[in-house]
Amino acid sequence: MNKSKKVLLFTMPIPDLLDPGAQKYLFDTRSIVNLPYGLLSICAYVKKYARNCVNFRIVDINNHLVSEYQHGNVIRDGQEYFRKYIESETGEFNPDIVGISLMFNVGYHLLDGLAATIKKVAPNTLLIVGGNLATVLSEEIALKNDIDAVNFGEGEIPFLRLIDSEDSRAHVRSNNAFVTKESIKLGIKPANYTVSELDNIPPIDFSYVDLSNFNLPKIKGAVYKKNFKRTMVSRIIYLSRGCPFNCNFCAGFNVHGKKVRFLSAERAVNDVRKMVEDDGLTELFVCDDSFLLDKVRAKLILKEYVKLKINVNFPAILMRNIDDEVAQLLSQLGNTFQYTSLESGSDFVLKHIIQKPVTKDEAKCAVHSLRKFGISALTNIVIGSPGETDEHRNETLETLEEIGFSWVYFLIALPLPGSRLYNECKENGYLVNDSFFCPSLTKCNIRTPSYTPEHIEKQAYMMNLHVNFIHNYNLRIGNYDECIKSFSNLVNVYSDHAFAYYCLAKAYEGKGELDRALVHKGNFRSIINTSSFWKDWAVYFNLI
């Protein structure tokens, strides 16, 4: 048996450290900090099956960012902060192998500085980058001076074989799970070694990460929000990998593939039961877009979770498979609102442009089922894909009014590397800026012969005001209490939102509370009289 190998694993930041406001928004409105689930899964898998001894340490950078923010420190120089921090962590642990998890675009600009710092402190360490973005940009990243290899695709099997190898450097050069400078020169095609049976991955050991910031007494969202108390014990779980669909904006399939692999229902229940018994779990987040693909399995799991008497939240769930029984079970698990993804209200856009496997009629049925059991339906719309027209967007407005979502989030199509959308925009010269490393879902980075970025940005905001304010579903049906709650939440975050005050006035008028209505009318008038931005929108919607 070889000597024990020391492996230091770094996450990358979720917020954009070039934008201090992004940190404030994320840490003020997120109920939990994303745990590095992929790294935790690698640790669990390797620890169970490795012949050689291994000592893992995970450095969750986002957890440290939250701690800094709690103490009033907004990180304004990400490069300098990480240089000092990573220098200290690497020097103390003295690792044989360092892994950097690069999942999202936003951390890419920090990669060079992070790698250089690690190599300066520990020049003989083997430095490997993995994750979704790393897989998509494997050659570009592998060619960087301080990067020794890129783990292509999932990491459990490649890291297990790496730990059991006699010579780590020789192993990455000879194994096609890793992209290296040598493999690129030789033209070796990388392979993604996925775990075919997810039950073979042991239950996650959360002791590798600091959970003190995971149960923050924060809120989720600005309009529809859920309060999380410090006494709650929260965990996350993934119950599947892979997605069979082909949405144009998605790049996740590059790591987990198109074939869906499910954790067995038995494991899905037993792992959570163990969290309840050992940790006192009260709040579970099932981060699994494919959960409802197998409705029989999903309902079995949901019924068992109900018996555990815990709250179970789904950040997103497959809309077309929501029926009355699913909605009832979600309600029994403590959900008063559910986020789903419609993407467009035009069947043409859904089928031929986005290729989203849902129809308007299926969305209507899902919302009806949720509403029957007291669950407010939230959704998102993505506009701005090449080929979509103003007529399609007008159709979307009509669909949204007909279905009646309680809230709709309007996003702008974001060309992520590895997605069909990115490839299309790159090939046709539609990208406004090739630098995709600080992405935004409210800014348009696509310019086609048919539209400008400015037009799409204005359309997105117009649609937001049209659906969520002027033609708000709950205002239309007289559900004034829900309106007052949601719009009050909104003005607590955005105190200068003229249309929120307008809607509050309408809601109080509907309840017959005219004095309060007058106060909010006054707030509305005061803002539009001093803000040209809000005055222009008030004129657009004939409010003055």
Protein backbone atom coordinates (compact mmCIF):
# COMPACT_ATOMS: atom_id res chain seq x y z
CA MET A 1 0.00 0.00 0.00
CA ASN A 2 1.30 3.46 -0.90
CA LYS A 3 1.58 6.23 1.65
CA SER A 4 -1.53 8.25 2.40
CA LYS A 5 -2.24 10.95 -0.18
CA LYS A 6 -3.42 14.37 0.92
CA VAL A 7 -6.03 15.96 -1.32
CA LEU A 8 -7.13 19.58 -0.96
CA LEU A 9 -10.34 20.50 -2.80
CA PHE A 10 -11.38 24.10 -3.50
CA THR A 11 -14.76 25.43 -4.55
CA MET A 12 -15.04 28.60 -6.61
CA PRO A 13 -17.24 31.58 -5.67
CA ILE A 14 -20.89 31.67 -6.68
CA PRO A 15 -21.31 35.48 -6.64
CA ASP A 16 -19.45 37.74 -9.05
CA LEU A 17 -16.62 39.21 -6.98
CA LEU A 18 -16.19 41.99 -9.53
CA ASP A 19 -19.64 43.24 -8.47
CA PRO A 20 -20.04 43.90 -4.71
CA GLY A 21 -23.79 44.26 -5.25
CA ALA A 22 -23.95 40.66 -6.43
CA GLN A 23 -22.62 39.47 -3.09
CA LYS A 24 -25.17 41.54 -1.19
CA TYR A 25 -28.04 40.29 -3.33
CA LEU A 26 -27.01 36.64 -3.03
CA PHE A 27 -26.34 36.60 0.70
CA ASP A 28 -29.36 38.74 1.60
CA THR A 29 -31.89 36.70 -0.33
CA ARG A 30 -30.56 33.14 -0.32
CA SER A 31 -31.79 30.90 2.44
CA ILE A 32 -28.83 28.54 2.20
CA VAL A 33 -25.33 28.49 0.82
CA ASN A 34 -24.85 25.92 -1.91
CA LEU A 35 -22.88 23.03 -0.49
CA PRO A 36 -20.14 21.56 -2.74
CA TYR A 37 -22.14 18.38 -3.32
CA GLY A 38 -19.97 17.10 -6.16
CA LEU A 39 -16.81 17.31 -4.05
CA LEU A 40 -18.59 15.66 -1.14
CA SER A 41 -19.66 12.83 -3.42
CA ILE A 42 -16.08 12.30 -4.61
CA CYS A 43 -14.87 12.15 -1.01
CA ALA A 44 -17.53 9.60 -0.04
CA TYR A 45 -16.89 7.39 -3.07
CA VAL A 46 -13.10 7.41 -2.86
CA LYS A 47 -12.99 6.89 0.92
CA LYS A 48 -15.14 3.77 0.56
CA TYR A 49 -13.45 2.08 -2.38
CA ALA A 50 -9.81 3.24 -2.37
CA ARG A 51 -7.11 0.68 -1.57
CA ASN A 52 -4.73 3.44 -0.56
CA CYS A 53 -5.23 5.80 2.34
CA VAL A 54 -6.40 9.30 1.51
CA ASN A 55 -6.92 12.43 3.56
CA PHE A 56 -9.40 14.90 2.04
CA ARG A 57 -9.95 18.50 2.99
CA ILE A 58 -12.62 20.68 1.33
CA VAL A 59 -12.26 24.44 1.38
CA ASP A 60 -15.70 25.90 0.68
CA ILE A 61 -14.87 29.40 -0.45
CA ASN A 62 -18.53 30.46 -0.52
CA ASN A 63 -18.90 29.65 3.15
CA HIS A 64 -16.01 31.99 3.93
CA LEU A 65 -17.54 34.69 1.75
CA VAL A 66 -20.76 34.47 3.78
CA SER A 67 -18.79 34.75 7.01
CA GLU A 68 -17.01 37.83 5.69
CA TYR A 69 -20.33 39.36 4.66
CA GLN A 70 -21.86 38.66 8.07
CA HIS A 71 -19.08 40.74 9.59
CA GLY A 72 -19.73 43.61 7.20
CA ASN A 73 -16.95 42.78 4.75
CA VAL A 74 -17.86 42.85 1.06
CA ILE A 75 -14.95 41.43 -0.93
CA ARG A 76 -13.94 44.04 -3.52
CA ASP A 77 -10.63 42.57 -4.63
CA GLY A 78 -11.25 38.89 -5.22
CA GLN A 79 -7.79 38.20 -6.57
CA GLU A 80 -6.04 39.60 -3.50
CA TYR A 81 -8.47 37.98 -1.05
CA PHE A 82 -8.00 34.55 -2.57
CA ARG A 83 -4.28 34.93 -3.00
CA LYS A 84 -3.81 35.36 0.76
CA TYR A 85 -6.48 32.89 1.75
CA ILE A 86 -5.43 30.06 -0.57
CA GLU A 87 -1.78 30.65 0.18
CA SER A 88 -2.52 30.03 3.85
CA GLU A 89 -4.74 26.98 3.30
CA THR A 90 -2.35 25.31 0.85
CA GLY A 91 0.74 25.98 2.96
CA GLU A 92 -0.88 24.59 6.09
CA PHE A 93 -2.23 21.38 4.52
CA ASN A 94 0.75 20.69 2.22
CA PRO A 95 -1.30 18.62 -0.25
CA ASP A 96 -0.11 16.06 -2.76
CA ILE A 97 -3.10 16.82 -5.00
CA VAL A 98 -5.20 19.97 -5.29
CA GLY A 99 -8.57 19.92 -7.03
CA ILE A 100 -10.45 23.05 -8.08
CA SER A 101 -14.18 22.75 -8.73
CA LEU A 102 -15.07 25.09 -11.59
CA MET A 103 -18.80 24.74 -12.11
CA PHE A 104 -19.90 28.20 -13.24
CA ASN A 105 -18.62 30.95 -15.48
CA VAL A 106 -18.50 33.57 -12.78
CA GLY A 107 -15.35 32.19 -11.11
CA TYR A 108 -13.32 31.70 -14.26
CA HIS A 109 -11.47 35.01 -14.05
CA LEU A 110 -10.03 33.93 -10.67
CA LEU A 111 -8.65 30.63 -11.94
CA ASP A 112 -5.25 31.83 -13.19
CA GLY A 113 -4.45 33.69 -9.97
CA LEU A 114 -5.66 30.82 -7.80
CA ALA A 115 -3.57 28.27 -9.69
CA ALA A 116 -0.47 30.47 -9.61
CA THR A 117 -0.78 30.92 -5.86
CA ILE A 118 -1.12 27.19 -5.26
CA LYS A 119 1.92 26.43 -7.40
CA LYS A 120 3.93 29.13 -5.66
CA VAL A 121 3.21 27.66 -2.22
CA ALA A 122 3.30 23.99 -3.23
CA PRO A 123 5.21 23.75 -6.55
CA ASN A 124 5.23 19.93 -6.54
CA THR A 125 1.51 19.46 -5.99
CA LEU A 126 -0.59 17.95 -8.77
CA LEU A 127 -3.17 20.58 -9.72
CA ILE A 128 -6.42 19.35 -11.31
CA VAL A 129 -9.49 21.34 -12.35
CA GLY A 130 -12.92 19.74 -12.70
CA GLY A 131 -16.60 20.58 -12.95
CA ASN A 132 -19.05 21.56 -15.64
CA LEU A 133 -17.24 24.59 -17.06
CA ALA A 134 -13.89 22.81 -16.79
CA THR A 135 -15.27 19.90 -18.85
CA VAL A 136 -16.63 22.22 -21.53
CA LEU A 137 -13.37 24.19 -21.73
CA SER A 138 -11.10 21.26 -20.98
CA GLU A 139 -8.43 21.96 -23.60
CA GLU A 140 -8.31 25.70 -22.94
CA ILE A 141 -7.88 25.14 -19.21
CA ALA A 142 -5.43 22.23 -19.52
CA LEU A 143 -3.11 24.41 -21.60
CA LYS A 144 -2.77 26.99 -18.82
CA ASN A 145 0.74 27.15 -17.34
CA ASP A 146 -0.06 26.14 -13.78
CA ILE A 147 -2.76 23.54 -14.50
CA ASP A 148 -1.57 19.93 -14.66
CA ALA A 149 -4.82 18.30 -15.77
CA VAL A 150 -8.56 18.67 -16.23
CA ASN A 151 -10.90 15.97 -14.92
CA PHE A 152 -13.27 15.40 -17.84
CA GLY A 153 -16.86 14.79 -16.68
CA GLU A 154 -17.76 13.15 -13.36
CA GLY A 155 -15.02 12.88 -10.76
CA GLU A 156 -15.69 9.83 -8.56
CA ILE A 157 -14.12 7.09 -10.71
CA PRO A 158 -11.19 9.18 -12.05
CA PHE A 159 -10.23 10.29 -8.53
CA LEU A 160 -10.52 6.76 -7.15
CA ARG A 161 -8.12 5.48 -9.81
CA LEU A 162 -5.83 8.45 -9.24
CA ILE A 163 -5.60 7.79 -5.50
CA ASP A 164 -4.87 4.11 -6.06
CA SER A 165 -2.15 4.80 -8.65
CA GLU A 166 1.52 4.49 -7.74
CA ASP A 167 2.54 7.63 -9.61
CA SER A 168 -0.12 10.36 -9.74
CA ARG A 169 1.55 12.40 -12.46
CA ALA A 170 2.14 9.43 -14.69
CA HIS A 171 -1.45 8.35 -14.13
CA VAL A 172 -3.06 11.60 -15.33
CA ARG A 173 -0.79 11.60 -18.37
CA SER A 174 -1.84 8.07 -19.34
CA ASN A 175 -5.53 8.04 -18.34
CA ASN A 176 -8.07 9.48 -20.77
CA ALA A 177 -10.31 10.67 -17.94
CA PHE A 178 -7.85 13.57 -17.70
CA VAL A 179 -7.05 16.21 -20.29
CA THR A 180 -3.40 17.29 -20.17
CA LYS A 181 -0.99 19.21 -22.34
CA GLU A 182 0.45 15.87 -23.46
CA SER A 183 -2.93 14.31 -24.30
CA ILE A 184 -3.88 17.36 -26.36
CA LYS A 185 -0.62 17.17 -28.29
CA LEU A 186 -1.21 13.48 -28.97
CA GLY A 187 -4.82 14.03 -29.99
CA ILE A 188 -6.22 11.70 -27.31
CA LYS A 189 -10.00 12.02 -26.97
CA PRO A 190 -11.10 12.32 -23.32
CA ALA A 191 -13.68 9.96 -21.80
CA ASN A 192 -16.34 10.62 -19.14
CA TYR A 193 -16.34 7.77 -16.61
CA THR A 194 -19.75 8.08 -14.97
CA VAL A 195 -21.03 6.13 -11.98
CA SER A 196 -23.66 3.93 -13.61
CA GLU A 197 -25.37 2.91 -10.36
CA LEU A 198 -25.83 5.89 -8.06
CA ASP A 199 -26.52 3.57 -5.12
CA ASN A 200 -22.82 2.69 -5.28
CA ILE A 201 -22.02 6.17 -3.99
CA PRO A 202 -22.13 6.09 -0.18
CA PRO A 203 -24.28 8.57 1.76
CA ILE A 204 -22.76 12.04 1.84
CA ASP A 205 -20.56 12.85 4.82
CA PHE A 206 -21.31 16.50 5.56
CA SER A 207 -18.56 16.73 8.18
CA TYR A 208 -16.13 17.77 5.44
CA VAL A 209 -17.78 21.20 5.31
CA ASP A 210 -18.68 23.86 7.85
CA LEU A 211 -22.47 23.85 8.18
CA SER A 212 -22.66 26.90 10.45
CA ASN A 213 -23.72 29.15 7.56
CA PHE A 214 -26.03 26.58 6.05
CA ASN A 215 -28.85 27.20 8.52
CA LEU A 216 -28.83 30.98 8.33
CA PRO A 217 -32.03 32.74 9.43
CA LYS A 218 -32.37 34.12 5.91
CA ILE A 219 -35.14 34.36 3.35
CA LYS A 220 -35.57 32.79 -0.04
CA GLY A 221 -36.50 35.22 -2.78
CA ALA A 222 -37.67 38.83 -2.62
CA VAL A 223 -41.39 38.39 -3.38
CA TYR A 224 -42.41 34.88 -2.38
CA LYS A 225 -40.16 34.03 0.50
CA LYS A 226 -39.75 31.47 3.18
CA ASN A 227 -38.17 32.24 6.52
CA PHE A 228 -35.50 29.86 7.75
CA LYS A 229 -34.80 29.89 11.47
CA ARG A 230 -31.44 29.13 13.00
CA THR A 231 -32.99 26.21 14.88
CA MET A 232 -33.79 24.47 11.62
CA VAL A 233 -31.45 21.72 10.48
CA SER A 234 -31.14 21.78 6.69
CA ARG A 235 -29.49 19.48 4.20
CA ILE A 236 -29.54 19.03 0.43
CA ILE A 237 -29.75 15.86 -1.61
CA TYR A 238 -29.52 14.90 -5.28
CA LEU A 239 -31.56 11.89 -6.33
CA SER A 240 -30.60 11.61 -10.00
CA ARG A 241 -28.02 12.56 -12.60
CA GLY A 242 -28.46 13.30 -16.27
CA CYS A 243 -31.23 14.85 -18.34
CA PRO A 244 -32.79 13.42 -21.51
CA PHE A 245 -33.95 16.78 -22.83
CA ASN A 246 -32.27 19.23 -25.17
CA CYS A 247 -33.08 22.74 -23.97
CA ASN A 248 -31.01 25.19 -26.00
CA PHE A 249 -29.61 27.12 -23.03
CA CYS A 250 -28.52 24.10 -20.94
CA ALA A 251 -24.93 22.89 -20.64
CA GLY A 252 -25.32 20.49 -17.69
CA PHE A 253 -25.43 17.38 -19.87
CA ASN A 254 -21.72 17.76 -20.61
CA VAL A 255 -20.88 16.24 -17.22
CA HIS A 256 -23.80 13.97 -16.38
CA GLY A 257 -24.96 13.04 -19.88
CA LYS A 258 -28.38 12.54 -21.44
CA LYS A 259 -29.17 9.20 -19.83
CA VAL A 260 -30.91 9.64 -16.47
CA ARG A 261 -29.56 7.60 -13.57
CA PHE A 262 -31.69 7.44 -10.45
CA LEU A 263 -30.81 6.81 -6.85
CA SER A 264 -33.11 3.99 -5.81
CA ALA A 265 -36.25 4.92 -3.90
CA GLU A 266 -34.99 2.87 -0.97
CA ARG A 267 -31.71 4.81 -0.80
CA ALA A 268 -33.50 8.12 -1.33
CA VAL A 269 -35.63 7.42 1.73
CA ASN A 270 -33.02 5.75 3.92
CA ASP A 271 -30.43 8.51 3.43
CA VAL A 272 -32.95 11.14 4.51
CA ARG A 273 -34.21 9.04 7.42
CA LYS A 274 -30.61 8.81 8.62
CA MET A 275 -30.31 12.61 8.43
CA VAL A 276 -33.43 12.89 10.58
CA GLU A 277 -32.25 10.34 13.15
CA ASP A 278 -28.59 11.40 13.34
CA ASP A 279 -28.72 15.13 12.64
CA GLY A 280 -32.25 16.16 13.60
CA LEU A 281 -33.05 17.16 10.01
CA THR A 282 -36.10 19.42 9.68
CA GLU A 283 -35.68 20.98 6.22
CA LEU A 284 -34.66 19.09 3.08
CA PHE A 285 -33.82 20.60 -0.31
CA VAL A 286 -34.14 18.13 -3.18
CA CYS A 287 -31.97 19.74 -5.88
CA ASP A 288 -33.10 17.52 -8.69
CA ASP A 289 -34.70 18.78 -11.91
CA SER A 290 -35.39 15.20 -13.07
CA PHE A 291 -37.14 14.04 -9.90
CA LEU A 292 -40.59 13.71 -11.49
CA LEU A 293 -39.45 11.92 -14.64
CA ASP A 294 -40.43 8.62 -13.02
CA LYS A 295 -43.71 9.57 -11.35
CA VAL A 296 -44.28 6.18 -9.69
CA ARG A 297 -40.87 6.32 -7.99
CA ALA A 298 -41.29 10.02 -7.17
CA LYS A 299 -44.65 9.55 -5.48
CA LEU A 300 -43.33 6.63 -3.44
CA ILE A 301 -40.47 8.79 -2.18
CA LEU A 302 -42.73 11.76 -1.44
CA LYS A 303 -45.10 9.58 0.58
CA GLU A 304 -42.20 8.31 2.69
CA TYR A 305 -40.92 11.85 3.24
CA VAL A 306 -44.38 12.83 4.49
CA LYS A 307 -44.11 10.08 7.11
CA LEU A 308 -40.81 11.56 8.30
CA LYS A 309 -42.64 14.80 9.21
CA ILE A 310 -40.09 17.14 7.68
CA ASN A 311 -40.40 20.04 5.27
CA VAL A 312 -39.21 19.16 1.78
CA ASN A 313 -38.50 21.85 -0.79
CA PHE A 314 -37.89 21.50 -4.51
CA PRO A 315 -36.05 24.51 -5.96
CA ALA A 316 -37.39 23.39 -9.36
CA ILE A 317 -39.62 20.55 -10.49
CA LEU A 318 -40.73 19.11 -13.83
CA MET A 319 -43.93 20.96 -14.69
CA ARG A 320 -45.53 18.52 -17.11
CA ASN A 321 -45.61 15.70 -14.53
CA ILE A 322 -47.35 17.62 -11.75
CA ASP A 323 -50.78 16.11 -11.14
CA ASP A 324 -53.27 16.27 -8.27
CA GLU A 325 -51.52 13.57 -6.26
CA VAL A 326 -48.09 15.18 -6.62
CA ALA A 327 -49.53 18.57 -5.67
CA GLN A 328 -51.24 17.12 -2.60
CA LEU A 329 -47.99 15.48 -1.46
CA LEU A 330 -46.05 18.73 -1.98
CA SER A 331 -48.63 20.50 0.15
CA GLN A 332 -48.30 17.89 2.89
CA LEU A 333 -44.53 18.50 2.84
CA GLY A 334 -45.02 22.15 3.80
CA ASN A 335 -45.00 23.88 0.42
CA THR A 336 -47.16 26.97 -0.02
CA PHE A 337 -45.49 27.97 -3.28
CA GLN A 338 -43.69 25.95 -5.94
CA TYR A 339 -41.24 27.11 -8.58
CA THR A 340 -41.52 25.47 -11.99
CA SER A 341 -39.88 26.19 -15.35
CA LEU A 342 -42.09 27.01 -18.33
CA GLU A 343 -39.48 29.03 -20.32
CA SER A 344 -41.99 30.29 -22.93
CA GLY A 345 -45.71 30.69 -23.44
CA SER A 346 -45.41 29.96 -27.16
CA ASP A 347 -45.71 26.32 -28.20
CA PHE A 348 -43.65 27.13 -31.31
CA VAL A 349 -40.77 28.50 -29.23
CA LEU A 350 -40.99 25.61 -26.78
CA LYS A 351 -40.93 22.95 -29.49
CA HIS A 352 -38.73 24.40 -32.23
CA ILE A 353 -36.39 26.89 -30.53
CA ILE A 354 -35.87 26.00 -26.87
CA GLN A 355 -36.94 22.37 -27.36
CA LYS A 356 -38.44 22.31 -23.89
CA PRO A 357 -40.60 19.19 -23.30
CA VAL A 358 -43.73 20.98 -22.07
CA THR A 359 -46.81 22.53 -23.68
CA LYS A 360 -49.09 25.35 -22.66
CA ASP A 361 -51.86 22.87 -21.89
CA GLU A 362 -49.59 20.81 -19.64
CA ALA A 363 -48.56 23.96 -17.80
CA LYS A 364 -52.20 24.90 -17.32
CA CYS A 365 -53.00 21.48 -15.81
CA ALA A 366 -49.99 21.64 -13.48
CA VAL A 367 -50.92 25.08 -12.14
CA HIS A 368 -54.53 23.95 -11.67
CA SER A 369 -53.36 20.99 -9.57
CA LEU A 370 -51.03 23.12 -7.44
CA ARG A 371 -53.70 25.73 -6.86
CA LYS A 372 -56.23 23.05 -5.85
CA PHE A 373 -54.02 22.23 -2.86
CA GLY A 374 -53.21 25.79 -1.83
CA ILE A 375 -49.85 26.10 -3.58
CA SER A 376 -49.02 29.28 -5.45
CA ALA A 377 -47.36 28.49 -8.78
CA LEU A 378 -44.24 30.44 -9.74
CA THR A 379 -42.41 30.08 -13.03
CA ASN A 380 -39.74 31.61 -15.25
CA ILE A 381 -39.75 32.79 -18.84
CA VAL A 382 -36.56 32.97 -20.91
CA ILE A 383 -36.64 35.41 -23.82
CA GLY A 384 -34.14 36.40 -26.48
CA SER A 385 -33.20 33.15 -28.21
CA PRO A 386 -32.44 33.61 -31.91
CA GLY A 387 -35.61 32.94 -33.88
CA GLU A 388 -37.99 34.20 -31.19
CA THR A 389 -40.03 37.23 -32.29
CA ASP A 390 -42.11 39.93 -30.64
CA GLU A 391 -45.18 38.00 -31.77
CA HIS A 392 -43.98 34.96 -29.82
CA ARG A 393 -43.42 37.15 -26.77
CA ASN A 394 -46.91 38.62 -27.09
CA GLU A 395 -48.26 35.08 -27.24
CA THR A 396 -46.34 34.35 -24.06
CA LEU A 397 -48.03 37.29 -22.33
CA GLU A 398 -51.44 35.96 -23.36
CA THR A 399 -50.55 32.48 -22.10
CA LEU A 400 -49.36 33.76 -18.75
CA GLU A 401 -52.51 35.80 -18.24
CA GLU A 402 -54.63 32.77 -19.12
CA ILE A 403 -52.82 30.34 -16.82
CA GLY A 404 -52.44 32.76 -13.92
CA PHE A 405 -49.08 32.23 -12.25
CA SER A 406 -48.68 33.98 -8.92
CA TRP A 407 -45.29 35.28 -10.01
CA VAL A 408 -43.18 35.02 -13.16
CA TYR A 409 -39.43 35.60 -13.36
CA PHE A 410 -38.39 36.99 -16.74
CA LEU A 411 -34.86 36.00 -17.70
CA ILE A 412 -32.77 36.72 -20.78
CA ALA A 413 -31.28 33.82 -22.73
CA LEU A 414 -27.68 33.35 -21.61
CA PRO A 415 -25.28 31.63 -24.05
CA LEU A 416 -23.33 29.29 -21.76
CA PRO A 417 -20.31 27.47 -23.21
CA GLY A 418 -21.31 23.91 -24.00
CA SER A 419 -24.94 24.78 -24.76
CA ARG A 420 -26.62 24.68 -28.17
CA LEU A 421 -27.44 28.36 -27.73
CA TYR A 422 -23.77 29.28 -27.28
CA ASN A 423 -22.69 27.25 -30.28
CA GLU A 424 -25.38 28.83 -32.46
CA CYS A 425 -24.46 32.35 -31.37
CA LYS A 426 -20.74 31.71 -31.77
CA GLU A 427 -21.11 30.22 -35.26
CA ASN A 428 -23.33 33.07 -36.47
CA GLY A 429 -21.43 35.92 -34.85
CA TYR A 430 -24.33 36.82 -32.53
CA LEU A 431 -22.29 37.19 -29.33
CA VAL A 432 -21.97 40.82 -28.25
CA ASN A 433 -19.06 40.01 -25.98
CA ASP A 434 -16.93 36.86 -26.14
CA SER A 435 -16.12 37.27 -22.44
CA PHE A 436 -18.82 35.12 -20.84
CA PHE A 437 -17.20 34.86 -17.43
CA CYS A 438 -19.44 37.30 -15.57
CA PRO A 439 -22.85 36.28 -16.88
CA SER A 440 -26.13 38.02 -16.23
CA LEU A 441 -29.69 36.83 -16.75
CA THR A 442 -30.89 40.44 -17.00
CA LYS A 443 -28.43 41.65 -19.66
CA CYS A 444 -28.56 40.47 -23.25
CA ASN A 445 -25.32 39.22 -24.81
CA ILE A 446 -26.92 38.32 -28.14
CA ARG A 447 -27.33 40.55 -31.20
CA THR A 448 -29.09 39.07 -34.24
CA PRO A 449 -30.21 40.61 -37.54
CA SER A 450 -33.73 40.68 -36.04
CA TYR A 451 -33.14 42.34 -32.66
CA THR A 452 -30.70 44.33 -30.55
CA PRO A 453 -29.69 43.55 -26.95
CA GLU A 454 -31.38 46.77 -25.83
CA HIS A 455 -34.69 45.68 -27.36
CA ILE A 456 -34.63 42.33 -25.54
CA GLU A 457 -33.74 43.96 -22.21
CA LYS A 458 -36.64 46.39 -22.58
CA GLN A 459 -38.99 43.59 -23.62
CA ALA A 460 -38.03 41.53 -20.57
CA TYR A 461 -38.75 44.39 -18.20
CA MET A 462 -41.98 45.31 -19.96
CA MET A 463 -43.17 41.72 -19.68
CA ASN A 464 -42.29 41.69 -15.99
CA LEU A 465 -44.33 44.83 -15.32
CA HIS A 466 -47.19 43.61 -17.53
CA VAL A 467 -47.60 40.18 -15.89
CA ASN A 468 -46.51 40.68 -12.30
CA PHE A 469 -47.96 44.15 -11.71
CA ILE A 470 -50.47 45.56 -14.19
CA HIS A 471 -52.17 42.21 -14.87
CA ASN A 472 -51.16 40.47 -11.65
CA TYR A 473 -53.12 37.23 -11.31
CA ASN A 474 -53.96 37.60 -7.62
CA LEU A 475 -55.11 41.18 -8.14
CA ARG A 476 -57.37 40.04 -10.97
CA ILE A 477 -59.07 37.32 -8.92
CA GLY A 478 -59.36 39.40 -5.75
CA ASN A 479 -56.78 37.49 -3.70
CA TYR A 480 -55.76 40.73 -2.04
CA ASP A 481 -54.10 39.29 1.06
CA GLU A 482 -51.55 37.39 -1.03
CA CYS A 483 -50.95 40.56 -3.08
CA ILE A 484 -50.33 42.62 0.02
CA LYS A 485 -47.90 40.06 1.38
CA SER A 486 -45.93 39.65 -1.86
CA PHE A 487 -45.76 43.35 -2.76
CA SER A 488 -44.88 44.32 0.82
CA ASN A 489 -42.01 41.85 0.62
CA LEU A 490 -40.95 43.50 -2.61
CA VAL A 491 -40.88 47.09 -1.32
CA ASN A 492 -38.92 45.96 1.73
CA VAL A 493 -36.14 44.99 -0.70
CA TYR A 494 -36.73 47.61 -3.42
CA SER A 495 -38.09 50.68 -1.66
CA ASP A 496 -38.20 52.73 -4.88
CA HIS A 497 -40.33 50.29 -6.92
CA ALA A 498 -43.18 52.52 -8.09
CA PHE A 499 -45.33 49.72 -9.52
CA ALA A 500 -45.18 47.72 -6.29
CA TYR A 501 -46.74 50.68 -4.46
CA TYR A 502 -49.30 51.00 -7.25
CA CYS A 503 -50.32 47.38 -6.75
CA LEU A 504 -50.38 47.71 -2.98
CA ALA A 505 -52.79 50.61 -3.40
CA LYS A 506 -54.99 48.47 -5.67
CA ALA A 507 -54.97 45.60 -3.18
CA TYR A 508 -55.93 47.80 -0.23
CA GLU A 509 -58.66 49.40 -2.34
CA GLY A 510 -59.99 45.93 -3.04
CA LYS A 511 -60.11 45.19 0.69
CA GLY A 512 -61.84 48.50 1.36
CA GLU A 513 -58.91 49.87 3.39
CA LEU A 514 -58.87 53.22 1.64
CA ASP A 515 -56.56 55.05 4.05
CA ARG A 516 -53.78 52.57 3.40
CA ALA A 517 -54.51 52.66 -0.31
CA LEU A 518 -54.03 56.44 -0.30
CA VAL A 519 -50.64 56.11 1.41
CA HIS A 520 -49.36 53.76 -1.31
CA LYS A 521 -50.87 55.89 -4.07
CA GLY A 522 -48.88 58.76 -2.63
CA ASN A 523 -45.71 56.67 -2.68
CA PHE A 524 -46.39 55.75 -6.31
CA ARG A 525 -46.91 59.38 -7.36
CA SER A 526 -43.88 60.59 -5.43
CA ILE A 527 -41.61 58.12 -7.22
CA ILE A 528 -42.90 58.75 -10.75
CA ASN A 529 -42.65 62.52 -10.17
CA THR A 530 -38.95 62.22 -9.31
CA SER A 531 -37.83 59.32 -11.52
CA SER A 532 -37.90 59.58 -15.29
CA PHE A 533 -37.46 55.81 -15.49
CA TRP A 534 -40.67 55.11 -13.59
CA LYS A 535 -42.54 57.98 -15.20
CA ASP A 536 -41.82 56.57 -18.65
CA TRP A 537 -43.17 53.17 -17.64
CA ALA A 538 -46.24 54.74 -16.03
CA VAL A 539 -46.94 56.53 -19.30
CA TYR A 540 -46.37 53.30 -21.25
CA PHE A 541 -49.05 51.51 -19.22
CA ASN A 542 -51.40 54.53 -19.16
CA LEU A 543 -51.21 54.90 -15.39
CA ILE A 544 -51.00 58.71 -15.59
